[in-house]
């Protein structure tokens, strides 16, 4: 059924379709009958799926990656689709429009997406208000970033604002310095800027009554030497874990014609072409840390077998994004069934 629906949806602008579909889902959720239909058809529970990671108990290891529900507007509706956790954001202190449209593109032949959204969001206060009003008790991660106009030497202030605002409302945090769509943001992945940023956020965290797990999201385009630097910092500062990986700027992993890629232009690539690259990074991190650093795996997860590959590589949890778009609302149920049966 979804394959037929997808053929129609894919005829239209991806960003417009995203909000139309999410509004339809929200309408269904608000109906008692619709909510029961969603929960009974798209959720799967099994004792073997339960996980405890960085002190949080997850009903299953399959989450929704950041970027899908930036402003926490659709949490209640999405929770009916069986997700073990949902990561909102990336949020920034002030609202920002993001990059000029069009900025979201499908590569259907590669089962991939290229985006250059640019942290478009309504600001951290708007996200906080949505979180205060939510009815679902699904585990929430807060993915935080800086505004485009904020210079890197002032980035600490932006991350601090986001942390303080979301602290009472989320279960864990992810520091995002790896998006390719905000100018100069990835420079914060370099050793000294990264250490200063994470130290600042961790100090804020440790000063709270109950510190929250803080993770770092990294790019798949880092060298192993750069990853070593990142891991040294995470271990030194006793950070809770790592999210591997964000989108890639590498275009050598796709089969699409170069003319199509050139026409689309810059942006982060996600989907099936990222699967192997992401898994390689996860294996490296797990080996370097002797499996002691929790990893949330994201990148090219479409099926239960894809999720199992990531878990076998050393991940503790997985997230979907592009796979959700291509596979539809049954993706979490299908992944969970496969994991429970193997």
Foldseek 3Di string as FASTA:
>chain_A
DVVVVLVVLVVDQPVVSLVVVLVVLVVLCVDPVSLVVLLVPQADFDPVQWDQALNDIFRHQEEADEPSAAQLQRVQSLVSNHHREYEHHQAWAAADQFDDPPFWDDPVVQLKIFGLRGRHDHHLVSSLVSLVPDDDPRAYEYEYFYHLPDDLVCGLVTRVSNCVSCVVRHQEYEYEQAFPNRPPSVVCLAQPNVLVNVLSSLVVQVPDPHRHAYEYEHALPDDVVSVVSVVVSCVVSVHRAYEFYWFDQDPPLDPDDPVVDVVSDTGGMAAQSFLVSRLVVLLSVCVVVVLPHAYEYEGHDQALVSQVSSVVSRHRHYYYYSSCSVNHSNRNVRNVVSVVVD
